[in-house]
Amino acid sequence: MRSKTISIIVITCLLASPNSKAESKEKNCALQIYLPREVVIKGDVPSLGQVSIIRGEESLVAKASEIALGRISVPGQKIVIDRPMVLSRLACNGIPASKVTLTGAEKITVKQQQKIIKADKFVELASSFLEKNPPDDSICQWNPMRIPKDLIIPGTGKDIRLYPRLARSSMKNQVKVQITVFADSKEAGTREVTFRLKYNCRKIVTQVEIPQGSVISPENAKIEKTISNYPEPANWTPPYGLIAKHRLPANTVIRPNMVGPVKPQVLLKRNQNVVIRIDRLGLLVTAIGKTMQDGRAGEYIKVRNVDSQRIILAKVNEDGTVEPVF
């Protein structure tokens, strides 16, 4: 019976021995540090106290908590901290690995606390701004053609405000809206949205076939509304009163190069006698000439002086006389 009791005691001691050693080792360690898998911090410089749970001697806990573990240099960046790095940083600050027990994850992923403004939010705001502040009254459509990237704002950013405004653009069929973002009264960044524009315009369309030389009028051509990529010229007027330079089939959109002004009536016919008139400085001189070609008011034609047989270039006046060009 006595031998059985001794055996049980020995076995109990052997089984308890590893746990006792582990507990003893943990008690001998000055710091116990638990590492989570992922941590979100407020600033851009993670410290050991921010990314882990530290227990142990109060003075060492305070010292270890202040140890920096790198820097988040750009918004949205993640940094990974592993156990060797933690032990190395502790050792550099006078806390050897022999005094540290690490538990938890093998690596910690550290992210910065942040807010993200999505690209579609910028597009929505820019579109609403254009609707209220169109750069031209004839604009009827605006479609986004260049969409900005998301904007990442570090920290909590409790008071975030967006201010849109029109940006300069040299393109008539494009407009840019620049949006400035403020977080807690500080500028956090800008984004620009580019839109392709459509304009309400007018066009004139032939209702029937118009022969060459015929006058354009409301009877043979009508004004219709259309949508264009470019604004209507400020001086646009229907080409009524102009003549067709060539035959225009029905349902043809009349372009500026298809019509021209009505030519004035021919005042002088070829081989017609005409008065050559010179009126300079109160001196009036006249002679008789013969035209060598047809002429309209304002045109320059060749005229032969009947007396001298000399050929001169003269301008046709509205009264039917001609004036030599010297």
C-alpha atoms as a PDB file:
ATOM      1  CA  MET A   1       0.000   0.000   0.000  1.00  0.00           C
ATOM      2  CA  ARG A   2       2.842   2.295   0.906  1.00  0.00           C
ATOM      3  CA  SER A   3       4.658   1.591  -2.371  1.00  0.00           C
ATOM      4  CA  LYS A   4       1.485   2.406  -4.318  1.00  0.00           C
ATOM      5  CA  THR A   5       1.204   5.776  -2.564  1.00  0.00           C
ATOM      6  CA  ILE A   6       4.816   6.634  -3.403  1.00  0.00           C
ATOM      7  CA  SER A   7       4.272   5.734  -7.055  1.00  0.00           C
ATOM      8  CA  ILE A   8       1.220   7.982  -7.340  1.00  0.00           C
ATOM      9  CA  ILE A   9       3.138  10.888  -5.821  1.00  0.00           C
ATOM     10  CA  VAL A  10       6.046  10.401  -8.244  1.00  0.00           C
ATOM     11  CA  ILE A  11       3.728  10.237 -11.262  1.00  0.00           C
ATOM     12  CA  THR A  12       1.879  13.350 -10.100  1.00  0.00           C
ATOM     13  CA  CYS A  13       5.152  15.239  -9.749  1.00  0.00           C
ATOM     14  CA  LEU A  14       6.298  14.198 -13.219  1.00  0.00           C
ATOM     15  CA  LEU A  15       3.014  15.315 -14.819  1.00  0.00           C
ATOM     16  CA  ALA A  16       2.992  18.605 -12.978  1.00  0.00           C
ATOM     17  CA  SER A  17       6.623  19.376 -13.677  1.00  0.00           C
ATOM     18  CA  PRO A  18       6.290  20.878 -17.253  1.00  0.00           C
ATOM     19  CA  ASN A  19       3.432  23.188 -16.267  1.00  0.00           C
ATOM     20  CA  SER A  20       5.286  24.289 -13.211  1.00  0.00           C
ATOM     21  CA  LYS A  21       8.338  25.103 -15.336  1.00  0.00           C
ATOM     22  CA  ALA A  22       6.244  27.085 -17.829  1.00  0.00           C
ATOM     23  CA  GLU A  23       4.540  29.008 -15.055  1.00  0.00           C
ATOM     24  CA  SER A  24       7.896  29.607 -13.444  1.00  0.00           C
ATOM     25  CA  LYS A  25       9.369  30.884 -16.725  1.00  0.00           C
ATOM     26  CA  GLU A  26       6.411  33.218 -17.270  1.00  0.00           C
ATOM     27  CA  LYS A  27       6.820  34.560 -13.744  1.00  0.00           C
ATOM     28  CA  ASN A  28      10.511  35.137 -14.361  1.00  0.00           C
ATOM     29  CA  CYS A  29       9.775  37.186 -17.556  1.00  0.00           C
ATOM     30  CA  ALA A  30       9.479  40.908 -16.920  1.00  0.00           C
ATOM     31  CA  LEU A  31       7.088  41.507 -19.866  1.00  0.00           C
ATOM     32  CA  GLN A  32       4.243  39.552 -21.426  1.00  0.00           C
ATOM     33  CA  ILE A  33       3.201  40.926 -24.800  1.00  0.00           C
ATOM     34  CA  TYR A  34       0.116  39.796 -26.745  1.00  0.00           C
ATOM     35  CA  LEU A  35       0.157  40.468 -30.512  1.00  0.00           C
ATOM     36  CA  PRO A  36      -3.206  40.700 -32.377  1.00  0.00           C
ATOM     37  CA  ARG A  37      -3.469  39.904 -36.098  1.00  0.00           C
ATOM     38  CA  GLU A  38      -4.680  43.353 -37.191  1.00  0.00           C
ATOM     39  CA  VAL A  39      -4.704  46.797 -35.591  1.00  0.00           C
ATOM     40  CA  VAL A  40      -6.066  50.210 -36.672  1.00  0.00           C
ATOM     41  CA  ILE A  41      -4.255  53.233 -35.225  1.00  0.00           C
ATOM     42  CA  LYS A  42      -5.031  56.965 -35.220  1.00  0.00           C
ATOM     43  CA  GLY A  43      -1.621  58.438 -36.033  1.00  0.00           C
ATOM     44  CA  ASP A  44       0.985  57.564 -38.643  1.00  0.00           C
ATOM     45  CA  VAL A  45       3.694  56.282 -36.248  1.00  0.00           C
ATOM     46  CA  PRO A  46       2.643  52.979 -34.619  1.00  0.00           C
ATOM     47  CA  SER A  47       4.070  52.280 -31.163  1.00  0.00           C
ATOM     48  CA  LEU A  48       4.240  48.945 -29.385  1.00  0.00           C
ATOM     49  CA  GLY A  49       1.651  50.152 -26.901  1.00  0.00           C
ATOM     50  CA  GLN A  50      -0.796  50.899 -29.755  1.00  0.00           C
ATOM     51  CA  VAL A  51      -0.456  47.564 -31.537  1.00  0.00           C
ATOM     52  CA  SER A  52      -0.226  45.109 -28.614  1.00  0.00           C
ATOM     53  CA  ILE A  53      -1.331  44.344 -25.059  1.00  0.00           C
ATOM     54  CA  ILE A  54       1.597  44.635 -22.625  1.00  0.00           C
ATOM     55  CA  ARG A  55       1.679  43.343 -19.050  1.00  0.00           C
ATOM     56  CA  GLY A  56       4.508  43.154 -16.516  1.00  0.00           C
ATOM     57  CA  GLU A  57       6.630  45.478 -14.466  1.00  0.00           C
ATOM     58  CA  GLU A  58       5.105  48.929 -14.560  1.00  0.00           C
ATOM     59  CA  SER A  59       8.328  50.730 -15.488  1.00  0.00           C
ATOM     60  CA  LEU A  60       9.107  48.309 -18.317  1.00  0.00           C
ATOM     61  CA  VAL A  61       5.523  48.418 -19.604  1.00  0.00           C
ATOM     62  CA  ALA A  62       5.720  52.224 -19.826  1.00  0.00           C
ATOM     63  CA  LYS A  63       9.094  52.057 -21.592  1.00  0.00           C
ATOM     64  CA  ALA A  64       8.031  49.340 -24.045  1.00  0.00           C
ATOM     65  CA  SER A  65       4.748  51.094 -24.863  1.00  0.00           C
ATOM     66  CA  GLU A  66       6.614  54.142 -26.263  1.00  0.00           C
ATOM     67  CA  ILE A  67       8.811  52.140 -28.678  1.00  0.00           C
ATOM     68  CA  ALA A  68       8.127  53.170 -32.313  1.00  0.00           C
ATOM     69  CA  LEU A  69       7.685  50.444 -34.909  1.00  0.00           C
ATOM     70  CA  GLY A  70       7.969  52.344 -38.193  1.00  0.00           C
ATOM     71  CA  ARG A  71       5.875  54.941 -40.022  1.00  0.00           C
ATOM     72  CA  ILE A  72       2.861  54.934 -42.363  1.00  0.00           C
ATOM     73  CA  SER A  73       4.078  57.261 -45.107  1.00  0.00           C
ATOM     74  CA  VAL A  74       1.035  57.453 -47.425  1.00  0.00           C
ATOM     75  CA  PRO A  75      -2.725  57.258 -46.801  1.00  0.00           C
ATOM     76  CA  GLY A  76      -4.063  53.732 -47.170  1.00  0.00           C
ATOM     77  CA  GLN A  77      -0.675  52.096 -46.598  1.00  0.00           C
ATOM     78  CA  LYS A  78      -0.418  48.953 -44.461  1.00  0.00           C
ATOM     79  CA  ILE A  79       2.695  47.892 -42.591  1.00  0.00           C
ATOM     80  CA  VAL A  80       3.442  44.411 -41.233  1.00  0.00           C
ATOM     81  CA  ILE A  81       5.240  43.926 -37.913  1.00  0.00           C
ATOM     82  CA  ASP A  82       6.531  40.444 -37.019  1.00  0.00           C
ATOM     83  CA  ARG A  83       7.864  38.978 -33.768  1.00  0.00           C
ATOM     84  CA  PRO A  84      11.593  39.304 -34.633  1.00  0.00           C
ATOM     85  CA  MET A  85      11.062  43.014 -35.304  1.00  0.00           C
ATOM     86  CA  VAL A  86       9.318  43.466 -31.941  1.00  0.00           C
ATOM     87  CA  LEU A  87      12.139  41.659 -30.100  1.00  0.00           C
ATOM     88  CA  SER A  88      14.755  43.654 -32.007  1.00  0.00           C
ATOM     89  CA  ARG A  89      13.144  46.990 -31.134  1.00  0.00           C
ATOM     90  CA  LEU A  90      12.850  45.954 -27.499  1.00  0.00           C
ATOM     91  CA  ALA A  91      16.519  44.923 -27.417  1.00  0.00           C
ATOM     92  CA  CYS A  92      17.543  48.275 -28.922  1.00  0.00           C
ATOM     93  CA  ASN A  93      15.778  49.952 -26.026  1.00  0.00           C
ATOM     94  CA  GLY A  94      17.487  47.869 -23.359  1.00  0.00           C
ATOM     95  CA  ILE A  95      14.890  45.123 -22.891  1.00  0.00           C
ATOM     96  CA  PRO A  96      16.478  41.755 -23.835  1.00  0.00           C
ATOM     97  CA  ALA A  97      14.468  38.904 -25.344  1.00  0.00           C
ATOM     98  CA  SER A  98      15.093  36.831 -22.186  1.00  0.00           C
ATOM     99  CA  LYS A  99      12.781  39.150 -20.281  1.00  0.00           C
ATOM    100  CA  VAL A 100       9.960  39.001 -22.876  1.00  0.00           C
ATOM    101  CA  THR A 101       7.212  36.485 -23.551  1.00  0.00           C
ATOM    102  CA  LEU A 102       5.343  36.920 -26.849  1.00  0.00           C
ATOM    103  CA  THR A 103       1.910  35.412 -27.417  1.00  0.00           C
ATOM    104  CA  GLY A 104      -0.770  35.796 -30.061  1.00  0.00           C
ATOM    105  CA  ALA A 105      -0.127  36.255 -33.802  1.00  0.00           C
ATOM    106  CA  GLU A 106       3.204  35.808 -35.566  1.00  0.00           C
ATOM    107  CA  LYS A 107       2.631  39.037 -37.531  1.00  0.00           C
ATOM    108  CA  ILE A 108       0.562  42.182 -37.006  1.00  0.00           C
ATOM    109  CA  THR A 109      -0.982  44.133 -39.926  1.00  0.00           C
ATOM    110  CA  VAL A 110      -1.189  47.804 -38.979  1.00  0.00           C
ATOM    111  CA  LYS A 111      -3.526  50.226 -40.757  1.00  0.00           C
ATOM    112  CA  GLN A 112      -4.189  53.893 -40.179  1.00  0.00           C
ATOM    113  CA  GLN A 113      -7.628  55.092 -39.181  1.00  0.00           C
ATOM    114  CA  GLN A 114      -9.056  56.884 -42.218  1.00  0.00           C
ATOM    115  CA  LYS A 115     -12.062  57.952 -44.221  1.00  0.00           C
ATOM    116  CA  ILE A 116     -12.478  57.334 -47.955  1.00  0.00           C
ATOM    117  CA  ILE A 117     -14.421  59.593 -50.337  1.00  0.00           C
ATOM    118  CA  LYS A 118     -15.339  57.453 -53.334  1.00  0.00           C
ATOM    119  CA  ALA A 119     -14.986  58.616 -56.935  1.00  0.00           C
ATOM    120  CA  ASP A 120     -18.731  58.362 -57.571  1.00  0.00           C
ATOM    121  CA  LYS A 121     -19.299  60.866 -54.735  1.00  0.00           C
ATOM    122  CA  PHE A 122     -17.137  63.422 -56.568  1.00  0.00           C
ATOM    123  CA  VAL A 123     -18.960  62.757 -59.861  1.00  0.00           C
ATOM    124  CA  GLU A 124     -22.355  63.126 -58.192  1.00  0.00           C
ATOM    125  CA  LEU A 125     -21.399  66.407 -56.529  1.00  0.00           C
ATOM    126  CA  ALA A 126     -19.814  67.823 -59.721  1.00  0.00           C
ATOM    127  CA  SER A 127     -22.895  66.897 -61.773  1.00  0.00           C
ATOM    128  CA  SER A 128     -25.213  68.542 -59.251  1.00  0.00           C
ATOM    129  CA  PHE A 129     -23.007  71.655 -59.276  1.00  0.00           C
ATOM    130  CA  LEU A 130     -23.184  71.858 -63.099  1.00  0.00           C
ATOM    131  CA  GLU A 131     -26.948  71.535 -63.022  1.00  0.00           C
ATOM    132  CA  LYS A 132     -27.169  74.609 -60.795  1.00  0.00           C
ATOM    133  CA  ASN A 133     -24.270  76.534 -62.392  1.00  0.00           C
ATOM    134  CA  PRO A 134     -24.126  75.723 -66.134  1.00  0.00           C
ATOM    135  CA  PRO A 135     -21.331  77.615 -67.931  1.00  0.00           C
ATOM    136  CA  ASP A 136     -23.731  78.144 -70.861  1.00  0.00           C
ATOM    137  CA  ASP A 137     -27.537  78.300 -70.920  1.00  0.00           C
ATOM    138  CA  SER A 138     -27.708  76.117 -74.033  1.00  0.00           C
ATOM    139  CA  ILE A 139     -25.993  73.127 -72.337  1.00  0.00           C
ATOM    140  CA  CYS A 140     -28.453  70.246 -72.114  1.00  0.00           C
ATOM    141  CA  GLN A 141     -26.263  67.220 -71.304  1.00  0.00           C
ATOM    142  CA  TRP A 142     -22.987  66.535 -69.482  1.00  0.00           C
ATOM    143  CA  ASN A 143     -21.423  63.103 -69.338  1.00  0.00           C
ATOM    144  CA  PRO A 144     -18.361  62.290 -67.191  1.00  0.00           C
ATOM    145  CA  MET A 145     -15.360  61.346 -69.320  1.00  0.00           C
ATOM    146  CA  ARG A 146     -12.537  61.525 -66.746  1.00  0.00           C
ATOM    147  CA  ILE A 147     -13.341  60.167 -63.275  1.00  0.00           C
ATOM    148  CA  PRO A 148     -10.968  60.919 -60.370  1.00  0.00           C
ATOM    149  CA  LYS A 149      -9.489  58.451 -57.902  1.00  0.00           C
ATOM    150  CA  ASP A 150     -10.880  57.883 -54.424  1.00  0.00           C
ATOM    151  CA  LEU A 151      -9.574  60.319 -51.814  1.00  0.00           C
ATOM    152  CA  ILE A 152      -8.231  58.790 -48.579  1.00  0.00           C
ATOM    153  CA  ILE A 153      -8.304  61.113 -45.571  1.00  0.00           C
ATOM    154  CA  PRO A 154      -6.149  59.974 -42.620  1.00  0.00           C
ATOM    155  CA  GLY A 155      -7.777  60.026 -39.169  1.00  0.00           C
ATOM    156  CA  THR A 156     -11.424  60.264 -38.248  1.00  0.00           C
ATOM    157  CA  GLY A 157     -12.094  63.554 -40.056  1.00  0.00           C
ATOM    158  CA  LYS A 158     -15.297  64.430 -38.200  1.00  0.00           C
ATOM    159  CA  ASP A 159     -16.032  67.658 -40.142  1.00  0.00           C
ATOM    160  CA  ILE A 160     -15.521  66.935 -43.854  1.00  0.00           C
ATOM    161  CA  ARG A 161     -16.672  69.510 -46.406  1.00  0.00           C
ATOM    162  CA  LEU A 162     -16.478  69.525 -50.211  1.00  0.00           C
ATOM    163  CA  TYR A 163     -16.374  72.743 -52.259  1.00  0.00           C
ATOM    164  CA  PRO A 164     -16.880  72.474 -56.060  1.00  0.00           C
ATOM    165  CA  ARG A 165     -15.999  75.161 -58.593  1.00  0.00           C
ATOM    166  CA  LEU A 166     -15.565  75.472 -62.347  1.00  0.00           C
ATOM    167  CA  ALA A 167     -11.983  75.028 -63.546  1.00  0.00           C
ATOM    168  CA  ARG A 168     -10.524  76.569 -66.677  1.00  0.00           C
ATOM    169  CA  SER A 169     -10.796  74.564 -69.880  1.00  0.00           C
ATOM    170  CA  SER A 170      -9.833  75.512 -73.434  1.00  0.00           C
ATOM    171  CA  MET A 171     -12.193  72.925 -74.944  1.00  0.00           C
ATOM    172  CA  LYS A 172     -15.623  74.190 -76.001  1.00  0.00           C
ATOM    173  CA  ASN A 173     -17.192  70.743 -75.680  1.00  0.00           C
ATOM    174  CA  GLN A 174     -15.704  69.972 -72.260  1.00  0.00           C
ATOM    175  CA  VAL A 175     -15.962  71.405 -68.773  1.00  0.00           C
ATOM    176  CA  LYS A 176     -13.977  70.661 -65.633  1.00  0.00           C
ATOM    177  CA  VAL A 177     -15.266  70.828 -62.071  1.00  0.00           C
ATOM    178  CA  GLN A 178     -12.618  70.986 -59.356  1.00  0.00           C
ATOM    179  CA  ILE A 179     -13.615  69.826 -55.869  1.00  0.00           C
ATOM    180  CA  THR A 180     -11.563  70.854 -52.836  1.00  0.00           C
ATOM    181  CA  VAL A 181     -11.963  68.734 -49.709  1.00  0.00           C
ATOM    182  CA  PHE A 182     -11.518  70.130 -46.201  1.00  0.00           C
ATOM    183  CA  ALA A 183     -11.272  67.904 -43.121  1.00  0.00           C
ATOM    184  CA  ASP A 184     -11.583  69.669 -39.764  1.00  0.00           C
ATOM    185  CA  SER A 185     -10.955  73.056 -41.460  1.00  0.00           C
ATOM    186  CA  LYS A 186      -7.738  71.830 -43.130  1.00  0.00           C
ATOM    187  CA  GLU A 187      -7.388  71.152 -46.855  1.00  0.00           C
ATOM    188  CA  ALA A 188      -7.217  67.393 -47.345  1.00  0.00           C
ATOM    189  CA  GLY A 189      -6.941  67.260 -51.128  1.00  0.00           C
ATOM    190  CA  THR A 190      -8.562  68.099 -54.474  1.00  0.00           C
ATOM    191  CA  ARG A 191     -10.186  66.078 -57.231  1.00  0.00           C
ATOM    192  CA  GLU A 192     -11.220  67.090 -60.756  1.00  0.00           C
ATOM    193  CA  VAL A 193     -14.097  65.700 -62.814  1.00  0.00           C
ATOM    194  CA  THR A 194     -14.161  66.311 -66.597  1.00  0.00           C
ATOM    195  CA  PHE A 195     -17.478  66.252 -68.462  1.00  0.00           C
ATOM    196  CA  ARG A 196     -18.232  66.103 -72.193  1.00  0.00           C
ATOM    197  CA  LEU A 197     -20.925  68.649 -73.068  1.00  0.00           C
ATOM    198  CA  LYS A 198     -23.928  68.648 -75.392  1.00  0.00           C
ATOM    199  CA  TYR A 199     -25.701  71.832 -76.511  1.00  0.00           C
ATOM    200  CA  ASN A 200     -29.204  72.735 -77.682  1.00  0.00           C
ATOM    201  CA  CYS A 201     -28.806  74.212 -81.166  1.00  0.00           C
ATOM    202  CA  ARG A 202     -30.796  75.021 -84.305  1.00  0.00           C
ATOM    203  CA  LYS A 203     -30.386  73.832 -87.855  1.00  0.00           C
ATOM    204  CA  ILE A 204     -32.129  74.633 -91.114  1.00  0.00           C
ATOM    205  CA  VAL A 205     -33.366  71.790 -93.307  1.00  0.00           C
ATOM    206  CA  THR A 206     -34.699  71.912 -96.856  1.00  0.00           C
ATOM    207  CA  GLN A 207     -38.383  70.929 -97.144  1.00  0.00           C
ATOM    208  CA  VAL A 208     -38.272  70.484-100.910  1.00  0.00           C
ATOM    209  CA  GLU A 209     -35.541  70.266-103.530  1.00  0.00           C
ATOM    210  CA  ILE A 210     -33.957  73.685-104.052  1.00  0.00           C
ATOM    211  CA  PRO A 211     -32.388  74.279-107.483  1.00  0.00           C
ATOM    212  CA  GLN A 212     -29.014  75.981-107.859  1.00  0.00           C
ATOM    213  CA  GLY A 213     -29.334  79.767-107.711  1.00  0.00           C
ATOM    214  CA  SER A 214     -32.713  79.689-105.917  1.00  0.00           C
ATOM    215  CA  VAL A 215     -33.274  81.861-102.854  1.00  0.00           C
ATOM    216  CA  ILE A 216     -33.560  80.139 -99.445  1.00  0.00           C
ATOM    217  CA  SER A 217     -36.841  81.100 -97.758  1.00  0.00           C
ATOM    218  CA  PRO A 218     -39.275  79.858 -95.060  1.00  0.00           C
ATOM    219  CA  GLU A 219     -41.297  78.298 -97.872  1.00  0.00           C
ATOM    220  CA  ASN A 220     -38.553  75.861 -98.930  1.00  0.00           C
ATOM    221  CA  ALA A 221     -36.515  75.459 -95.711  1.00  0.00           C
ATOM    222  CA  LYS A 222     -37.452  75.195 -92.008  1.00  0.00           C
ATOM    223  CA  ILE A 223     -35.658  75.628 -88.695  1.00  0.00           C
ATOM    224  CA  GLU A 224     -35.382  72.522 -86.474  1.00  0.00           C
ATOM    225  CA  LYS A 225     -33.950  71.939 -82.988  1.00  0.00           C
ATOM    226  CA  THR A 226     -30.940  69.662 -82.598  1.00  0.00           C
ATOM    227  CA  ILE A 227     -28.292  68.603 -80.077  1.00  0.00           C
ATOM    228  CA  SER A 228     -24.665  69.369 -80.917  1.00  0.00           C
ATOM    229  CA  ASN A 229     -21.222  68.759 -79.432  1.00  0.00           C
ATOM    230  CA  TYR A 230     -20.459  72.468 -79.760  1.00  0.00           C
ATOM    231  CA  PRO A 231     -22.413  75.616 -78.873  1.00  0.00           C
ATOM    232  CA  GLU A 232     -24.343  77.494 -81.512  1.00  0.00           C
ATOM    233  CA  PRO A 233     -22.433  80.514 -82.910  1.00  0.00           C
ATOM    234  CA  ALA A 234     -23.501  83.720 -81.210  1.00  0.00           C
ATOM    235  CA  ASN A 235     -24.314  85.352 -84.568  1.00  0.00           C
ATOM    236  CA  TRP A 236     -26.292  82.392 -85.964  1.00  0.00           C
ATOM    237  CA  THR A 237     -29.203  83.379 -88.210  1.00  0.00           C
ATOM    238  CA  PRO A 238     -31.194  81.318 -90.710  1.00  0.00           C
ATOM    239  CA  PRO A 239     -29.808  81.709 -94.259  1.00  0.00           C
ATOM    240  CA  TYR A 240     -33.049  83.188 -95.582  1.00  0.00           C
ATOM    241  CA  GLY A 241     -32.408  85.493 -98.502  1.00  0.00           C
ATOM    242  CA  LEU A 242     -29.236  83.699 -99.605  1.00  0.00           C
ATOM    243  CA  ILE A 243     -29.066  81.569-102.745  1.00  0.00           C
ATOM    244  CA  ALA A 244     -28.118  77.914-103.148  1.00  0.00           C
ATOM    245  CA  LYS A 245     -24.657  77.453-104.674  1.00  0.00           C
ATOM    246  CA  HIS A 246     -25.726  74.067-106.056  1.00  0.00           C
ATOM    247  CA  ARG A 247     -28.801  71.826-106.060  1.00  0.00           C
ATOM    248  CA  LEU A 248     -30.002  70.949-102.555  1.00  0.00           C
ATOM    249  CA  PRO A 249     -32.151  67.800-102.244  1.00  0.00           C
ATOM    250  CA  ALA A 250     -35.088  67.692 -99.817  1.00  0.00           C
ATOM    251  CA  ASN A 251     -34.270  67.000 -96.141  1.00  0.00           C
ATOM    252  CA  THR A 252     -30.752  68.392 -96.519  1.00  0.00           C
ATOM    253  CA  VAL A 253     -29.194  70.238 -93.589  1.00  0.00           C
ATOM    254  CA  ILE A 254     -27.998  73.521 -95.052  1.00  0.00           C
ATOM    255  CA  ARG A 255     -24.380  74.294 -94.139  1.00  0.00           C
ATOM    256  CA  PRO A 256     -22.813  77.778 -94.485  1.00  0.00           C
ATOM    257  CA  ASN A 257     -20.694  76.679 -97.441  1.00  0.00           C
ATOM    258  CA  MET A 258     -23.816  75.591 -99.404  1.00  0.00           C
ATOM    259  CA  VAL A 259     -25.248  79.101 -99.784  1.00  0.00           C
ATOM    260  CA  GLY A 260     -24.045  82.561-100.693  1.00  0.00           C
ATOM    261  CA  PRO A 261     -25.283  86.118-101.103  1.00  0.00           C
ATOM    262  CA  VAL A 262     -27.448  87.136-104.024  1.00  0.00           C
ATOM    263  CA  LYS A 263     -25.239  88.750-106.656  1.00  0.00           C
ATOM    264  CA  PRO A 264     -26.173  92.343-107.510  1.00  0.00           C
ATOM    265  CA  GLN A 265     -27.766  93.054-110.847  1.00  0.00           C
ATOM    266  CA  VAL A 266     -25.503  93.586-113.866  1.00  0.00           C
ATOM    267  CA  LEU A 267     -25.395  97.342-114.521  1.00  0.00           C
ATOM    268  CA  LEU A 268     -23.094  97.349-117.537  1.00  0.00           C
ATOM    269  CA  LYS A 269     -23.023  94.917-120.419  1.00  0.00           C
ATOM    270  CA  ARG A 270     -19.950  94.093-122.529  1.00  0.00           C
ATOM    271  CA  ASN A 271     -19.349  96.538-125.443  1.00  0.00           C
ATOM    272  CA  GLN A 272     -21.646  99.114-123.856  1.00  0.00           C
ATOM    273  CA  ASN A 273     -20.799 102.809-123.984  1.00  0.00           C
ATOM    274  CA  VAL A 274     -20.170 104.245-120.515  1.00  0.00           C
ATOM    275  CA  VAL A 275     -19.183 107.545-118.974  1.00  0.00           C
ATOM    276  CA  ILE A 276     -15.668 107.556-117.479  1.00  0.00           C
ATOM    277  CA  ARG A 277     -15.812 109.976-114.586  1.00  0.00           C
ATOM    278  CA  ILE A 278     -12.995 111.468-112.503  1.00  0.00           C
ATOM    279  CA  ASP A 279     -13.969 113.701-109.575  1.00  0.00           C
ATOM    280  CA  ARG A 280     -10.911 114.710-107.541  1.00  0.00           C
ATOM    281  CA  LEU A 281     -10.336 117.821-105.380  1.00  0.00           C
ATOM    282  CA  GLY A 282     -13.250 119.668-106.929  1.00  0.00           C
ATOM    283  CA  LEU A 283     -12.074 118.861-110.480  1.00  0.00           C
ATOM    284  CA  LEU A 284     -14.540 116.905-112.630  1.00  0.00           C
ATOM    285  CA  VAL A 285     -13.327 115.237-115.823  1.00  0.00           C
ATOM    286  CA  THR A 286     -15.458 112.979-118.016  1.00  0.00           C
ATOM    287  CA  ALA A 287     -14.849 110.870-121.105  1.00  0.00           C
ATOM    288  CA  ILE A 288     -16.613 108.219-123.109  1.00  0.00           C
ATOM    289  CA  GLY A 289     -15.493 104.611-122.902  1.00  0.00           C
ATOM    290  CA  LYS A 290     -16.604 101.177-124.010  1.00  0.00           C
ATOM    291  CA  THR A 291     -16.874  98.264-121.533  1.00  0.00           C
ATOM    292  CA  MET A 292     -14.891  95.133-122.344  1.00  0.00           C
ATOM    293  CA  GLN A 293     -16.845  92.926-119.888  1.00  0.00           C
ATOM    294  CA  ASP A 294     -20.051  92.814-117.830  1.00  0.00           C
ATOM    295  CA  GLY A 295     -20.022  94.753-114.571  1.00  0.00           C
ATOM    296  CA  ARG A 296     -22.003  95.004-111.321  1.00  0.00           C
ATOM    297  CA  ALA A 297     -21.924  97.816-108.776  1.00  0.00           C
ATOM    298  CA  GLY A 298     -18.641  97.716-106.867  1.00  0.00           C
ATOM    299  CA  GLU A 299     -16.867  95.430-109.369  1.00  0.00           C
ATOM    300  CA  TYR A 300     -13.728  96.343-111.314  1.00  0.00           C
ATOM    301  CA  ILE A 301     -13.841  95.950-115.087  1.00  0.00           C
ATOM    302  CA  LYS A 302     -11.738  96.849-118.107  1.00  0.00           C
ATOM    303  CA  VAL A 303     -12.864  99.883-120.114  1.00  0.00           C
ATOM    304  CA  ARG A 304     -11.433 101.231-123.417  1.00  0.00           C
ATOM    305  CA  ASN A 305     -11.232 105.028-123.744  1.00  0.00           C
ATOM    306  CA  VAL A 306     -12.931 105.814-127.061  1.00  0.00           C
ATOM    307  CA  ASP A 307     -10.744 108.870-127.781  1.00  0.00           C
ATOM    308  CA  SER A 308      -7.329 107.490-126.814  1.00  0.00           C
ATOM    309  CA  GLN A 309      -8.090 103.766-127.321  1.00  0.00           C
ATOM    310  CA  ARG A 310      -6.298 103.199-124.037  1.00  0.00           C
ATOM    311  CA  ILE A 311      -7.573 100.327-121.861  1.00  0.00           C
ATOM    312  CA  ILE A 312      -8.011 101.188-118.165  1.00  0.00           C
ATOM    313  CA  LEU A 313      -9.276  99.398-115.031  1.00  0.00           C
ATOM    314  CA  ALA A 314     -12.323 101.110-113.571  1.00  0.00           C
ATOM    315  CA  LYS A 315     -14.754 100.604-110.720  1.00  0.00           C
ATOM    316  CA  VAL A 316     -18.472 100.400-111.557  1.00  0.00           C
ATOM    317  CA  ASN A 317     -20.497 103.009-109.648  1.00  0.00           C
ATOM    318  CA  GLU A 318     -24.109 102.466-108.633  1.00  0.00           C
ATOM    319  CA  ASP A 319     -25.243 105.223-111.023  1.00  0.00           C
ATOM    320  CA  GLY A 320     -23.792 103.297-114.011  1.00  0.00           C
ATOM    321  CA  THR A 321     -20.642 105.410-114.483  1.00  0.00           C
ATOM    322  CA  VAL A 322     -17.124 104.077-114.006  1.00  0.00           C
ATOM    323  CA  GLU A 323     -14.205 105.529-112.075  1.00  0.00           C
ATOM    324  CA  PRO A 324     -10.622 104.810-113.180  1.00  0.00           C
ATOM    325  CA  VAL A 325      -8.233 103.144-110.729  1.00  0.00           C
ATOM    326  CA  PHE A 326      -4.805 104.817-110.633  1.00  0.00           C
END
